[in-house]
Amino acid sequence: AALSAQVAASLRVVVGMRRYPDGRRGV
């Protein structure tokens, strides 16, 4: 409950990065 309240009050967006098998990295 405390975690959900803090996240909801402060965090709006999440950006995901990935490392591909060939070594490339990207959003």
mmCIF file of all heavy atoms, coordinates in Angstrom:
data_MODEL
# 
_entry.id   MODEL 
# 
loop_
_atom_site.group_PDB 
_atom_site.id 
_atom_site.type_symbol 
_atom_site.label_atom_id 
_atom_site.label_alt_id 
_atom_site.label_comp_id 
_atom_site.label_asym_id 
_atom_site.label_entity_id 
_atom_site.label_seq_id 
_atom_site.pdbx_PDB_ins_code 
_atom_site.Cartn_x 
_atom_site.Cartn_y 
_atom_site.Cartn_z 
_atom_site.occupancy 
_atom_site.B_iso_or_equiv 
_atom_site.pdbx_formal_charge 
_atom_site.auth_seq_id 
_atom_site.auth_comp_id 
_atom_site.auth_asym_id 
_atom_site.auth_atom_id 
_atom_site.pdbx_PDB_model_num 
ATOM 1   N N   . ALA A 1 1  ? 0.828  -1.210  0.000   1.00 0.00 ? 1  ALA A N   1 
ATOM 2   C CA  . ALA A 1 1  ? 0.000  0.000   0.000   1.00 0.00 ? 1  ALA A CA  1 
ATOM 3   C C   . ALA A 1 1  ? 0.862  1.259   0.000   1.00 0.00 ? 1  ALA A C   1 
ATOM 4   O O   . ALA A 1 1  ? 0.608  2.208   -0.754  1.00 0.00 ? 1  ALA A O   1 
ATOM 5   C CB  . ALA A 1 1  ? -0.937 -0.011  1.211   1.00 0.00 ? 1  ALA A CB  1 
ATOM 6   N N   . ALA A 1 2  ? 1.897  1.264   0.850   1.00 0.00 ? 2  ALA A N   1 
ATOM 7   C CA  . ALA A 1 2  ? 2.779  2.432   0.919   1.00 0.00 ? 2  ALA A CA  1 
ATOM 8   C C   . ALA A 1 2  ? 3.524  2.623   -0.397  1.00 0.00 ? 2  ALA A C   1 
ATOM 9   O O   . ALA A 1 2  ? 3.683  3.751   -0.882  1.00 0.00 ? 2  ALA A O   1 
ATOM 10  C CB  . ALA A 1 2  ? 3.762  2.273   2.070   1.00 0.00 ? 2  ALA A CB  1 
ATOM 11  N N   . LEU A 1 3  ? 3.974  1.508   -0.984  1.00 0.00 ? 3  LEU A N   1 
ATOM 12  C CA  . LEU A 1 3  ? 4.687  1.591   -2.251  1.00 0.00 ? 3  LEU A CA  1 
ATOM 13  C C   . LEU A 1 3  ? 3.779  2.152   -3.340  1.00 0.00 ? 3  LEU A C   1 
ATOM 14  O O   . LEU A 1 3  ? 4.170  3.057   -4.088  1.00 0.00 ? 3  LEU A O   1 
ATOM 15  C CB  . LEU A 1 3  ? 5.203  0.210   -2.645  1.00 0.00 ? 3  LEU A CB  1 
ATOM 16  C CG  . LEU A 1 3  ? 5.909  0.144   -3.991  1.00 0.00 ? 3  LEU A CG  1 
ATOM 17  C CD1 . LEU A 1 3  ? 7.294  0.759   -3.882  1.00 0.00 ? 3  LEU A CD1 1 
ATOM 18  C CD2 . LEU A 1 3  ? 6.014  -1.295  -4.481  1.00 0.00 ? 3  LEU A CD2 1 
ATOM 19  N N   . SER A 1 4  ? 2.557  1.631   -3.428  1.00 0.00 ? 4  SER A N   1 
ATOM 20  C CA  . SER A 1 4  ? 1.622  2.098   -4.455  1.00 0.00 ? 4  SER A CA  1 
ATOM 21  C C   . SER A 1 4  ? 1.339  3.583   -4.314  1.00 0.00 ? 4  SER A C   1 
ATOM 22  O O   . SER A 1 4  ? 1.271  4.319   -5.304  1.00 0.00 ? 4  SER A O   1 
ATOM 23  C CB  . SER A 1 4  ? 0.318  1.305   -4.374  1.00 0.00 ? 4  SER A CB  1 
ATOM 24  O OG  . SER A 1 4  ? 0.537  -0.060  -4.661  1.00 0.00 ? 4  SER A OG  1 
ATOM 25  N N   . ALA A 1 5  ? 1.188  4.032   -3.069  1.00 0.00 ? 5  ALA A N   1 
ATOM 26  C CA  . ALA A 1 5  ? 0.910  5.449   -2.835  1.00 0.00 ? 5  ALA A CA  1 
ATOM 27  C C   . ALA A 1 5  ? 2.081  6.318   -3.291  1.00 0.00 ? 5  ALA A C   1 
ATOM 28  O O   . ALA A 1 5  ? 1.880  7.353   -3.942  1.00 0.00 ? 5  ALA A O   1 
ATOM 29  C CB  . ALA A 1 5  ? 0.606  5.677   -1.361  1.00 0.00 ? 5  ALA A CB  1 
ATOM 30  N N   . GLN A 1 6  ? 3.303  5.900   -2.970  1.00 0.00 ? 6  GLN A N   1 
ATOM 31  C CA  . GLN A 1 6  ? 4.477  6.685   -3.364  1.00 0.00 ? 6  GLN A CA  1 
ATOM 32  C C   . GLN A 1 6  ? 4.667  6.686   -4.876  1.00 0.00 ? 6  GLN A C   1 
ATOM 33  O O   . GLN A 1 6  ? 4.977  7.720   -5.476  1.00 0.00 ? 6  GLN A O   1 
ATOM 34  C CB  . GLN A 1 6  ? 5.733  6.120   -2.687  1.00 0.00 ? 6  GLN A CB  1 
ATOM 35  C CG  . GLN A 1 6  ? 5.805  6.416   -1.203  1.00 0.00 ? 6  GLN A CG  1 
ATOM 36  C CD  . GLN A 1 6  ? 7.188  6.916   -0.798  1.00 0.00 ? 6  GLN A CD  1 
ATOM 37  O OE1 . GLN A 1 6  ? 7.807  7.697   -1.502  1.00 0.00 ? 6  GLN A OE1 1 
ATOM 38  N NE2 . GLN A 1 6  ? 7.642  6.453   0.353   1.00 0.00 ? 6  GLN A NE2 1 
ATOM 39  N N   . VAL A 1 7  ? 4.489  5.531   -5.495  1.00 0.00 ? 7  VAL A N   1 
ATOM 40  C CA  . VAL A 1 7  ? 4.656  5.451   -6.949  1.00 0.00 ? 7  VAL A CA  1 
ATOM 41  C C   . VAL A 1 7  ? 3.619  6.309   -7.649  1.00 0.00 ? 7  VAL A C   1 
ATOM 42  O O   . VAL A 1 7  ? 3.926  7.065   -8.579  1.00 0.00 ? 7  VAL A O   1 
ATOM 43  C CB  . VAL A 1 7  ? 4.572  3.990   -7.423  1.00 0.00 ? 7  VAL A CB  1 
ATOM 44  C CG1 . VAL A 1 7  ? 4.534  3.922   -8.954  1.00 0.00 ? 7  VAL A CG1 1 
ATOM 45  C CG2 . VAL A 1 7  ? 5.756  3.188   -6.897  1.00 0.00 ? 7  VAL A CG2 1 
ATOM 46  N N   . ALA A 1 8  ? 2.376  6.199   -7.211  1.00 0.00 ? 8  ALA A N   1 
ATOM 47  C CA  . ALA A 1 8  ? 1.302  6.962   -7.849  1.00 0.00 ? 8  ALA A CA  1 
ATOM 48  C C   . ALA A 1 8  ? 1.506  8.461   -7.706  1.00 0.00 ? 8  ALA A C   1 
ATOM 49  O O   . ALA A 1 8  ? 1.115  9.242   -8.579  1.00 0.00 ? 8  ALA A O   1 
ATOM 50  C CB  . ALA A 1 8  ? -0.046 6.555   -7.249  1.00 0.00 ? 8  ALA A CB  1 
ATOM 51  N N   . ALA A 1 9  ? 2.137  8.880   -6.610  1.00 0.00 ? 9  ALA A N   1 
ATOM 52  C CA  . ALA A 1 9  ? 2.323  10.311  -6.365  1.00 0.00 ? 9  ALA A CA  1 
ATOM 53  C C   . ALA A 1 9  ? 3.512  10.894  -7.113  1.00 0.00 ? 9  ALA A C   1 
ATOM 54  O O   . ALA A 1 9  ? 3.585  12.116  -7.299  1.00 0.00 ? 9  ALA A O   1 
ATOM 55  C CB  . ALA A 1 9  ? 2.498  10.553  -4.861  1.00 0.00 ? 9  ALA A CB  1 
ATOM 56  N N   . SER A 1 10 ? 4.448  10.046  -7.542  1.00 0.00 ? 10 SER A N   1 
ATOM 57  C CA  . SER A 1 10 ? 5.698  10.596  -8.077  1.00 0.00 ? 10 SER A CA  1 
ATOM 58  C C   . SER A 1 10 ? 6.081  10.106  -9.461  1.00 0.00 ? 10 SER A C   1 
ATOM 59  O O   . SER A 1 10 ? 6.765  10.813  -10.203 1.00 0.00 ? 10 SER A O   1 
ATOM 60  C CB  . SER A 1 10 ? 6.854  10.255  -7.120  1.00 0.00 ? 10 SER A CB  1 
ATOM 61  O OG  . SER A 1 10 ? 6.968  8.853   -6.945  1.00 0.00 ? 10 SER A OG  1 
ATOM 62  N N   . LEU A 1 11 ? 5.657  8.909   -9.826  1.00 0.00 ? 11 LEU A N   1 
ATOM 63  C CA  . LEU A 1 11 ? 6.118  8.297   -11.069 1.00 0.00 ? 11 LEU A CA  1 
ATOM 64  C C   . LEU A 1 11 ? 5.007  8.293   -12.109 1.00 0.00 ? 11 LEU A C   1 
ATOM 65  O O   . LEU A 1 11 ? 3.892  7.881   -11.817 1.00 0.00 ? 11 LEU A O   1 
ATOM 66  C CB  . LEU A 1 11 ? 6.588  6.862   -10.785 1.00 0.00 ? 11 LEU A CB  1 
ATOM 67  C CG  . LEU A 1 11 ? 7.097  6.050   -11.970 1.00 0.00 ? 11 LEU A CG  1 
ATOM 68  C CD1 . LEU A 1 11 ? 8.303  6.715   -12.600 1.00 0.00 ? 11 LEU A CD1 1 
ATOM 69  C CD2 . LEU A 1 11 ? 7.435  4.627   -11.525 1.00 0.00 ? 11 LEU A CD2 1 
ATOM 70  N N   . ARG A 1 12 ? 5.315  8.749   -13.301 1.00 0.00 ? 12 ARG A N   1 
ATOM 71  C CA  . ARG A 1 12 ? 4.304  8.832   -14.348 1.00 0.00 ? 12 ARG A CA  1 
ATOM 72  C C   . ARG A 1 12 ? 4.610  7.970   -15.568 1.00 0.00 ? 12 ARG A C   1 
ATOM 73  O O   . ARG A 1 12 ? 3.703  7.439   -16.195 1.00 0.00 ? 12 ARG A O   1 
ATOM 74  C CB  . ARG A 1 12 ? 4.165  10.290  -14.812 1.00 0.00 ? 12 ARG A CB  1 
ATOM 75  C CG  . ARG A 1 12 ? 3.637  11.243  -13.748 1.00 0.00 ? 12 ARG A CG  1 
ATOM 76  C CD  . ARG A 1 12 ? 2.169  10.992  -13.458 1.00 0.00 ? 12 ARG A CD  1 
ATOM 77  N NE  . ARG A 1 12 ? 1.631  11.919  -12.485 1.00 0.00 ? 12 ARG A NE  1 
ATOM 78  C CZ  . ARG A 1 12 ? 1.609  11.718  -11.179 1.00 0.00 ? 12 ARG A CZ  1 
ATOM 79  N NH1 . ARG A 1 12 ? 2.106  10.586  -10.687 1.00 0.00 ? 12 ARG A NH1 1 
ATOM 80  N NH2 . ARG A 1 12 ? 1.120  12.613  -10.351 1.00 0.00 ? 12 ARG A NH2 1 
ATOM 81  N N   . VAL A 1 13 ? 5.879  7.845   -15.926 1.00 0.00 ? 13 VAL A N   1 
ATOM 82  C CA  . VAL A 1 13 ? 6.238  7.174   -17.179 1.00 0.00 ? 13 VAL A CA  1 
ATOM 83  C C   . VAL A 1 13 ? 7.419  6.234   -16.940 1.00 0.00 ? 13 VAL A C   1 
ATOM 84  O O   . VAL A 1 13 ? 8.290  6.513   -16.107 1.00 0.00 ? 13 VAL A O   1 
ATOM 85  C CB  . VAL A 1 13 ? 6.582  8.207   -18.278 1.00 0.00 ? 13 VAL A CB  1 
ATOM 86  C CG1 . VAL A 1 13 ? 7.143  7.531   -19.525 1.00 0.00 ? 13 VAL A CG1 1 
ATOM 87  C CG2 . VAL A 1 13 ? 5.348  9.031   -18.636 1.00 0.00 ? 13 VAL A CG2 1 
ATOM 88  N N   . VAL A 1 14 ? 7.444  5.132   -17.688 1.00 0.00 ? 14 VAL A N   1 
ATOM 89  C CA  . VAL A 1 14 ? 8.541  4.167   -17.636 1.00 0.00 ? 14 VAL A CA  1 
ATOM 90  C C   . VAL A 1 14 ? 9.042  3.938   -19.057 1.00 0.00 ? 14 VAL A C   1 
ATOM 91  O O   . VAL A 1 14 ? 8.248  3.690   -19.969 1.00 0.00 ? 14 VAL A O   1 
ATOM 92  C CB  . VAL A 1 14 ? 8.104  2.832   -17.018 1.00 0.00 ? 14 VAL A CB  1 
ATOM 93  C CG1 . VAL A 1 14 ? 9.314  1.915   -16.838 1.00 0.00 ? 14 VAL A CG1 1 
ATOM 94  C CG2 . VAL A 1 14 ? 7.391  3.046   -15.691 1.00 0.00 ? 14 VAL A CG2 1 
ATOM 95  N N   . VAL A 1 15 ? 10.364 4.029   -19.227 1.00 0.00 ? 15 VAL A N   1 
ATOM 96  C CA  . VAL A 1 15 ? 10.990 3.801   -20.532 1.00 0.00 ? 15 VAL A CA  1 
ATOM 97  C C   . VAL A 1 15 ? 11.825 2.531   -20.433 1.00 0.00 ? 15 VAL A C   1 
ATOM 98  O O   . VAL A 1 15 ? 12.644 2.386   -19.519 1.00 0.00 ? 15 VAL A O   1 
ATOM 99  C CB  . VAL A 1 15 ? 11.883 4.991   -20.937 1.00 0.00 ? 15 VAL A CB  1 
ATOM 100 C CG1 . VAL A 1 15 ? 12.478 4.756   -22.332 1.00 0.00 ? 15 VAL A CG1 1 
ATOM 101 C CG2 . VAL A 1 15 ? 11.099 6.291   -20.900 1.00 0.00 ? 15 VAL A CG2 1 
ATOM 102 N N   . GLY A 1 16 ? 11.615 1.612   -21.368 1.00 0.00 ? 16 GLY A N   1 
ATOM 103 C CA  . GLY A 1 16 ? 12.321 0.334   -21.338 1.00 0.00 ? 16 GLY A CA  1 
ATOM 104 C C   . GLY A 1 16 ? 13.459 0.266   -22.339 1.00 0.00 ? 16 GLY A C   1 
ATOM 105 O O   . GLY A 1 16 ? 13.289 0.608   -23.511 1.00 0.00 ? 16 GLY A O   1 
ATOM 106 N N   . MET A 1 17 ? 14.634 -0.180  -21.859 1.00 0.00 ? 17 MET A N   1 
ATOM 107 C CA  . MET A 1 17 ? 15.794 -0.404  -22.724 1.00 0.00 ? 17 MET A CA  1 
ATOM 108 C C   . MET A 1 17 ? 16.022 -1.908  -22.873 1.00 0.00 ? 17 MET A C   1 
ATOM 109 O O   . MET A 1 17 ? 15.724 -2.692  -21.973 1.00 0.00 ? 17 MET A O   1 
ATOM 110 C CB  . MET A 1 17 ? 17.044 0.244   -22.131 1.00 0.00 ? 17 MET A CB  1 
ATOM 111 C CG  . MET A 1 17 ? 17.025 1.755   -22.111 1.00 0.00 ? 17 MET A CG  1 
ATOM 112 S SD  . MET A 1 17 ? 17.133 2.463   -23.770 1.00 0.00 ? 17 MET A SD  1 
ATOM 113 C CE  . MET A 1 17 ? 18.814 2.009   -24.233 1.00 0.00 ? 17 MET A CE  1 
ATOM 114 N N   . ARG A 1 18 ? 16.571 -2.276  -24.021 1.00 0.00 ? 18 ARG A N   1 
ATOM 115 C CA  . ARG A 1 18 ? 16.847 -3.697  -24.271 1.00 0.00 ? 18 ARG A CA  1 
ATOM 116 C C   . ARG A 1 18 ? 18.208 -3.860  -24.922 1.00 0.00 ? 18 ARG A C   1 
ATOM 117 O O   . ARG A 1 18 ? 18.608 -3.049  -25.749 1.00 0.00 ? 18 ARG A O   1 
ATOM 118 C CB  . ARG A 1 18 ? 15.773 -4.296  -25.188 1.00 0.00 ? 18 ARG A CB  1 
ATOM 119 C CG  . ARG A 1 18 ? 15.970 -5.780  -25.466 1.00 0.00 ? 18 ARG A CG  1 
ATOM 120 C CD  . ARG A 1 18 ? 14.919 -6.309  -26.418 1.00 0.00 ? 18 ARG A CD  1 
ATOM 121 N NE  . ARG A 1 18 ? 15.159 -7.699  -26.758 1.00 0.00 ? 18 ARG A NE  1 
ATOM 122 C CZ  . ARG A 1 18 ? 14.508 -8.375  -27.689 1.00 0.00 ? 18 ARG A CZ  1 
ATOM 123 N NH1 . ARG A 1 18 ? 13.542 -7.772  -28.372 1.00 0.00 ? 18 ARG A NH1 1 
ATOM 124 N NH2 . ARG A 1 18 ? 14.797 -9.633  -27.952 1.00 0.00 ? 18 ARG A NH2 1 
ATOM 125 N N   . ARG A 1 19 ? 18.884 -4.912  -24.515 1.00 0.00 ? 19 ARG A N   1 
ATOM 126 C CA  . ARG A 1 19 ? 20.134 -5.308  -25.163 1.00 0.00 ? 19 ARG A CA  1 
ATOM 127 C C   . ARG A 1 19 ? 19.828 -6.495  -26.070 1.00 0.00 ? 19 ARG A C   1 
ATOM 128 O O   . ARG A 1 19 ? 19.411 -7.558  -25.608 1.00 0.00 ? 19 ARG A O   1 
ATOM 129 C CB  . ARG A 1 19 ? 21.168 -5.684  -24.110 1.00 0.00 ? 19 ARG A CB  1 
ATOM 130 C CG  . ARG A 1 19 ? 22.480 -6.174  -24.683 1.00 0.00 ? 19 ARG A CG  1 
ATOM 131 C CD  . ARG A 1 19 ? 23.454 -6.431  -23.557 1.00 0.00 ? 19 ARG A CD  1 
ATOM 132 N NE  . ARG A 1 19 ? 24.674 -7.050  -24.037 1.00 0.00 ? 19 ARG A NE  1 
ATOM 133 C CZ  . ARG A 1 19 ? 25.709 -7.333  -23.260 1.00 0.00 ? 19 ARG A CZ  1 
ATOM 134 N NH1 . ARG A 1 19 ? 25.660 -7.029  -21.979 1.00 0.00 ? 19 ARG A NH1 1 
ATOM 135 N NH2 . ARG A 1 19 ? 26.788 -7.895  -23.741 1.00 0.00 ? 19 ARG A NH2 1 
ATOM 136 N N   . TYR A 1 20 ? 20.049 -6.320  -27.362 1.00 0.00 ? 20 TYR A N   1 
ATOM 137 C CA  . TYR A 1 20 ? 19.705 -7.336  -28.350 1.00 0.00 ? 20 TYR A CA  1 
ATOM 138 C C   . TYR A 1 20 ? 20.842 -8.358  -28.484 1.00 0.00 ? 20 TYR A C   1 
ATOM 139 O O   . TYR A 1 20 ? 21.991 -8.082  -28.121 1.00 0.00 ? 20 TYR A O   1 
ATOM 140 C CB  . TYR A 1 20 ? 19.404 -6.680  -29.696 1.00 0.00 ? 20 TYR A CB  1 
ATOM 141 C CG  . TYR A 1 20 ? 18.181 -5.798  -29.666 1.00 0.00 ? 20 TYR A CG  1 
ATOM 142 C CD1 . TYR A 1 20 ? 18.289 -4.435  -29.388 1.00 0.00 ? 20 TYR A CD1 1 
ATOM 143 C CD2 . TYR A 1 20 ? 16.917 -6.328  -29.884 1.00 0.00 ? 20 TYR A CD2 1 
ATOM 144 C CE1 . TYR A 1 20 ? 17.168 -3.625  -29.341 1.00 0.00 ? 20 TYR A CE1 1 
ATOM 145 C CE2 . TYR A 1 20 ? 15.785 -5.521  -29.843 1.00 0.00 ? 20 TYR A CE2 1 
ATOM 146 C CZ  . TYR A 1 20 ? 15.919 -4.175  -29.568 1.00 0.00 ? 20 TYR A CZ  1 
ATOM 147 O OH  . TYR A 1 20 ? 14.805 -3.374  -29.508 1.00 0.00 ? 20 TYR A OH  1 
ATOM 148 N N   . PRO A 1 21 ? 20.542 -9.557  -29.021 1.00 0.00 ? 21 PRO A N   1 
ATOM 149 C CA  . PRO A 1 21 ? 21.568 -10.602 -29.128 1.00 0.00 ? 21 PRO A CA  1 
ATOM 150 C C   . PRO A 1 21 ? 22.811 -10.184 -29.905 1.00 0.00 ? 21 PRO A C   1 
ATOM 151 O O   . PRO A 1 21 ? 23.900 -10.681 -29.645 1.00 0.00 ? 21 PRO A O   1 
ATOM 152 C CB  . PRO A 1 21 ? 20.817 -11.740 -29.843 1.00 0.00 ? 21 PRO A CB  1 
ATOM 153 C CG  . PRO A 1 21 ? 19.386 -11.544 -29.463 1.00 0.00 ? 21 PRO A CG  1 
ATOM 154 C CD  . PRO A 1 21 ? 19.206 -10.057 -29.400 1.00 0.00 ? 21 PRO A CD  1 
ATOM 155 N N   . ASP A 1 22 ? 22.659 -9.274  -30.877 1.00 0.00 ? 22 ASP A N   1 
ATOM 156 C CA  . ASP A 1 22 ? 23.815 -8.847  -31.668 1.00 0.00 ? 22 ASP A CA  1 
ATOM 157 C C   . ASP A 1 22 ? 24.626 -7.743  -30.996 1.00 0.00 ? 22 ASP A C   1 
ATOM 158 O O   . ASP A 1 22 ? 25.573 -7.213  -31.582 1.00 0.00 ? 22 ASP A O   1 
ATOM 159 C CB  . ASP A 1 22 ? 23.382 -8.389  -33.062 1.00 0.00 ? 22 ASP A CB  1 
ATOM 160 C CG  . ASP A 1 22 ? 22.434 -7.185  -33.019 1.00 0.00 ? 22 ASP A CG  1 
ATOM 161 O OD1 . ASP A 1 22 ? 22.143 -6.685  -31.919 1.00 0.00 ? 22 ASP A OD1 1 
ATOM 162 O OD2 . ASP A 1 22 ? 21.979 -6.757  -34.106 1.00 0.00 ? 22 ASP A OD2 1 
ATOM 163 N N   . GLY A 1 23 ? 24.257 -7.387  -29.748 1.00 0.00 ? 23 GLY A N   1 
ATOM 164 C CA  . GLY A 1 23 ? 25.004 -6.385  -29.001 1.00 0.00 ? 23 GLY A CA  1 
ATOM 165 C C   . GLY A 1 23 ? 24.415 -4.990  -29.057 1.00 0.00 ? 23 GLY A C   1 
ATOM 166 O O   . GLY A 1 23 ? 24.825 -4.110  -28.295 1.00 0.00 ? 23 GLY A O   1 
ATOM 167 N N   . ARG A 1 24 ? 23.458 -4.757  -29.964 1.00 0.00 ? 24 ARG A N   1 
ATOM 168 C CA  . ARG A 1 24 ? 22.831 -3.436  -30.037 1.00 0.00 ? 24 ARG A CA  1 
ATOM 169 C C   . ARG A 1 24 ? 22.013 -3.177  -28.781 1.00 0.00 ? 24 ARG A C   1 
ATOM 170 O O   . ARG A 1 24 ? 21.484 -4.092  -28.162 1.00 0.00 ? 24 ARG A O   1 
ATOM 171 C CB  . ARG A 1 24 ? 21.911 -3.340  -31.256 1.00 0.00 ? 24 ARG A CB  1 
ATOM 172 C CG  . ARG A 1 24 ? 22.603 -3.323  -32.585 1.00 0.00 ? 24 ARG A CG  1 
ATOM 173 C CD  . ARG A 1 24 ? 21.573 -3.193  -33.717 1.00 0.00 ? 24 ARG A CD  1 
ATOM 174 N NE  . ARG A 1 24 ? 20.603 -4.284  -33.705 1.00 0.00 ? 24 ARG A NE  1 
ATOM 175 C CZ  . ARG A 1 24 ? 19.301 -4.135  -33.429 1.00 0.00 ? 24 ARG A CZ  1 
ATOM 176 N NH1 . ARG A 1 24 ? 18.817 -2.936  -33.125 1.00 0.00 ? 24 ARG A NH1 1 
ATOM 177 N NH2 . ARG A 1 24 ? 18.487 -5.184  -33.451 1.00 0.00 ? 24 ARG A NH2 1 
ATOM 178 N N   . ARG A 1 25 ? 21.913 -1.885  -28.432 1.00 0.00 ? 25 ARG A N   1 
ATOM 179 C CA  . ARG A 1 25 ? 21.085 -1.470  -27.314 1.00 0.00 ? 25 ARG A CA  1 
ATOM 180 C C   . ARG A 1 25 ? 20.116 -0.410  -27.804 1.00 0.00 ? 25 ARG A C   1 
ATOM 181 O O   . ARG A 1 25 ? 20.499 0.443   -28.609 1.00 0.00 ? 25 ARG A O   1 
ATOM 182 C CB  . ARG A 1 25 ? 21.947 -0.906  -26.166 1.00 0.00 ? 25 ARG A CB  1 
ATOM 183 C CG  . ARG A 1 25 ? 22.923 -1.905  -25.567 1.00 0.00 ? 25 ARG A CG  1 
ATOM 184 C CD  . ARG A 1 25 ? 23.947 -1.219  -24.705 1.00 0.00 ? 25 ARG A CD  1 
ATOM 185 N NE  . ARG A 1 25 ? 24.800 -2.145  -23.989 1.00 0.00 ? 25 ARG A NE  1 
ATOM 186 C CZ  . ARG A 1 25 ? 25.866 -2.742  -24.486 1.00 0.00 ? 25 ARG A CZ  1 
ATOM 187 N NH1 . ARG A 1 25 ? 26.217 -2.495  -25.739 1.00 0.00 ? 25 ARG A NH1 1 
ATOM 188 N NH2 . ARG A 1 25 ? 26.585 -3.576  -23.761 1.00 0.00 ? 25 ARG A NH2 1 
ATOM 189 N N   . GLY A 1 26 ? 18.900 -0.452  -27.308 1.00 0.00 ? 26 GLY A N   1 
ATOM 190 C CA  . GLY A 1 26 ? 17.954 0.548   -27.774 1.00 0.00 ? 26 GLY A CA  1 
ATOM 191 C C   . GLY A 1 26 ? 16.685 0.594   -26.945 1.00 0.00 ? 26 GLY A C   1 
ATOM 192 O O   . GLY A 1 26 ? 16.392 -0.314  -26.149 1.00 0.00 ? 26 GLY A O   1 
ATOM 193 N N   . VAL A 1 27 ? 15.939 1.685   -27.111 1.00 0.00 ? 27 VAL A N   1 
ATOM 194 C CA  . VAL A 1 27 ? 14.632 1.807   -26.460 1.00 0.00 ? 27 VAL A CA  1 
ATOM 195 C C   . VAL A 1 27 ? 13.711 0.769   -27.076 1.00 0.00 ? 27 VAL A C   1 
ATOM 196 O O   . VAL A 1 27 ? 13.557 0.690   -28.293 1.00 0.00 ? 27 VAL A O   1 
ATOM 197 C CB  . VAL A 1 27 ? 14.055 3.222   -26.644 1.00 0.00 ? 27 VAL A CB  1 
ATOM 198 C CG1 . VAL A 1 27 ? 12.674 3.313   -25.992 1.00 0.00 ? 27 VAL A CG1 1 
ATOM 199 C CG2 . VAL A 1 27 ? 14.994 4.265   -26.044 1.00 0.00 ? 27 VAL A CG2 1 
# 
